[in-house]
Protein backbone atom coordinates (compact mmCIF):
# COMPACT_ATOMS: atom_id res chain seq x y z
CA MET A 1 0.00 0.00 0.00
CA GLU A 2 1.37 3.44 -0.89
CA LYS A 3 1.85 6.15 1.73
CA VAL A 4 -0.86 8.78 2.05
CA ALA A 5 -0.86 12.32 3.36
CA PHE A 6 -1.25 12.68 7.10
CA ASP A 7 -4.54 14.52 6.95
CA ASN A 8 -8.19 13.54 6.96
CA ALA A 9 -8.27 12.98 3.19
CA GLY A 10 -5.24 10.70 3.50
CA VAL A 11 -6.88 8.73 6.30
CA GLN A 12 -9.96 8.25 4.13
CA ARG A 13 -7.81 7.05 1.19
CA LEU A 14 -5.98 4.60 3.45
CA LEU A 15 -9.22 3.24 4.89
CA SER A 16 -10.68 2.80 1.41
CA GLY A 17 -7.60 0.84 0.39
CA ILE A 18 -7.72 -1.33 3.50
CA TYR A 19 -11.44 -2.06 3.07
CA GLU A 20 -10.83 -3.23 -0.51
CA LEU A 21 -8.24 -5.84 0.55
CA SER A 22 -8.93 -9.55 0.46
CA VAL A 23 -10.07 -11.01 3.79
CA ALA A 24 -6.60 -12.49 4.45
CA ASP A 25 -4.80 -9.23 3.63
CA TYR A 26 -7.35 -7.23 5.63
CA GLN A 27 -6.73 -9.41 8.68
CA ALA A 28 -2.95 -9.20 8.15
CA GLU A 29 -3.19 -5.39 8.03
CA ILE A 30 -4.96 -5.33 11.39
CA GLN A 31 -2.41 -7.75 12.88
CA GLN A 32 0.48 -5.55 11.66
CA LEU A 33 -1.22 -2.51 13.15
CA LEU A 34 -1.59 -4.24 16.51
CA ALA A 35 1.91 -5.77 16.50
CA ASP A 36 3.81 -2.52 15.85
CA PHE A 37 1.61 0.55 15.55
CA ARG A 38 4.56 2.93 15.37
CA SER A 39 5.96 1.17 12.28
CA TRP A 40 2.48 0.84 10.81
CA LEU A 41 1.99 4.62 11.05
CA LEU A 42 5.41 5.36 9.58
CA ASN A 43 4.81 2.89 6.72
CA HIS A 44 1.39 4.27 5.79
CA PHE A 45 1.63 8.06 6.17
CA GLU A 46 3.79 10.77 4.65
CA PHE A 47 5.16 12.51 7.72
CA THR A 48 7.45 15.50 7.96
CA ALA A 49 10.78 14.95 9.73
CA GLU A 50 9.32 16.67 12.80
CA GLN A 51 6.29 14.38 12.76
CA VAL A 52 8.52 11.29 12.42
CA ARG A 53 10.48 12.40 15.51
CA TYR A 54 7.21 12.88 17.38
CA VAL A 55 5.88 9.44 16.42
CA GLU A 56 9.20 7.85 17.40
CA GLN A 57 9.02 9.33 20.91
CA LEU A 58 5.42 8.37 21.67
CA ALA A 59 5.16 6.27 24.82
CA PRO A 60 4.60 2.55 24.22
CA ASP A 61 1.54 2.44 26.50
CA TYR A 62 -0.09 5.29 24.57
CA LEU A 63 0.72 3.64 21.23
CA PHE A 64 -0.81 0.41 22.51
CA ALA A 65 -4.02 2.19 23.57
CA LEU A 66 -4.28 4.11 20.30
CA ALA A 67 -3.59 0.97 18.26
CA GLN A 68 -6.44 -0.81 20.03
CA GLN A 69 -8.86 2.01 19.16
CA VAL A 70 -7.76 2.22 15.53
CA ALA A 71 -7.81 -1.57 15.10
CA LEU A 72 -11.33 -1.78 16.54
CA ALA A 73 -12.53 0.97 14.20
CA ILE A 74 -10.97 -0.73 11.17
CA THR A 75 -12.23 -4.16 12.22
CA THR A 76 -15.80 -2.86 12.48
CA GLN A 77 -15.33 -0.60 9.43
CA SER A 78 -16.29 2.41 11.51
CA SER A 79 -15.56 5.89 10.25
CA ILE A 80 -12.33 7.51 11.41
CA ASP A 81 -11.73 11.24 11.19
CA LEU A 82 -8.45 13.07 11.74
CA LYS A 83 -8.74 16.67 12.83
CA GLN A 84 -5.61 18.77 13.11
CA GLU A 85 -5.42 22.32 14.36
CA PRO A 86 -2.64 24.46 12.93
CA LYS A 87 0.45 24.88 15.07
CA GLU A 88 0.59 28.54 16.03
CA SER A 89 3.87 28.59 17.96
CA ASP A 90 6.59 26.35 19.39
CA ASP A 91 5.74 27.43 22.95
CA GLY A 92 3.10 24.81 23.66
CA GLY A 93 2.83 21.08 23.45
CA LYS A 94 0.97 18.75 21.14
CA VAL A 95 -2.10 17.01 22.50
CA ILE A 96 -3.67 13.99 20.79
CA GLU A 97 -7.22 13.27 21.88
CA THR A 98 -9.42 10.42 20.75
CA GLU A 99 -13.12 9.95 21.06
CA ARG A 100 -15.02 6.83 20.13
CA ILE A 101 -18.75 7.08 19.73
CA SER A 102 -20.78 3.93 19.49
CA LYS A 103 -24.55 3.82 19.19
CA THR A 104 -26.74 0.80 18.81
CA ALA A 105 -30.46 0.46 18.34
CA PHE A 106 -33.02 -2.22 17.70
CA THR A 107 -36.47 -1.96 16.20
CA LYS A 108 -38.72 -4.69 14.84
CA ALA A 109 -38.93 -2.89 11.51
CA GLU A 110 -35.22 -2.21 11.01
CA GLY A 111 -33.58 -4.80 13.25
CA TYR A 112 -30.21 -4.25 14.89
CA GLN A 113 -28.26 -1.15 13.88
CA SER A 114 -24.83 -0.10 15.03
CA ILE A 115 -23.05 3.13 14.24
CA ALA A 116 -19.51 3.76 15.45
CA HIS A 117 -17.06 6.57 14.84
CA LEU A 118 -13.49 7.28 15.96
CA SER A 119 -12.27 10.85 16.01
CA VAL A 120 -8.58 11.68 16.44
CA HIS A 121 -7.98 15.35 17.24
CA ILE A 122 -4.48 16.87 17.27
CA ARG A 123 -4.24 20.26 18.91
CA TYR A 124 -1.61 22.45 20.50
CA THR A 125 -1.52 24.06 23.92
CA GLN A 126 -0.29 27.61 24.36
């Protein structure tokens, strides 16, 4: 799979490519993501040198938690959005927040419905 831009459009292109894989390749992609999320990110996104340094210093426990969320979203083919605020200065720090929304419903007419969404928001503190 070719690298995509690290923006929401790139995430959507990557997801489309993953969802078109054969079942075996799809499962292998998820296993790679879970086995080494840092390498998976670096192999799938076009990062700047600064972004590569940032990804390389992310704590293993955070990477594990984020990998679990992303893998669950991909496994269930939930939507994933990446929101990035512009960096206004070098004075603050980067904050990565995730939010997973999952709604389920059942009606006799429509049966079981499940809607899930993962949002990844990158912002900067002042």
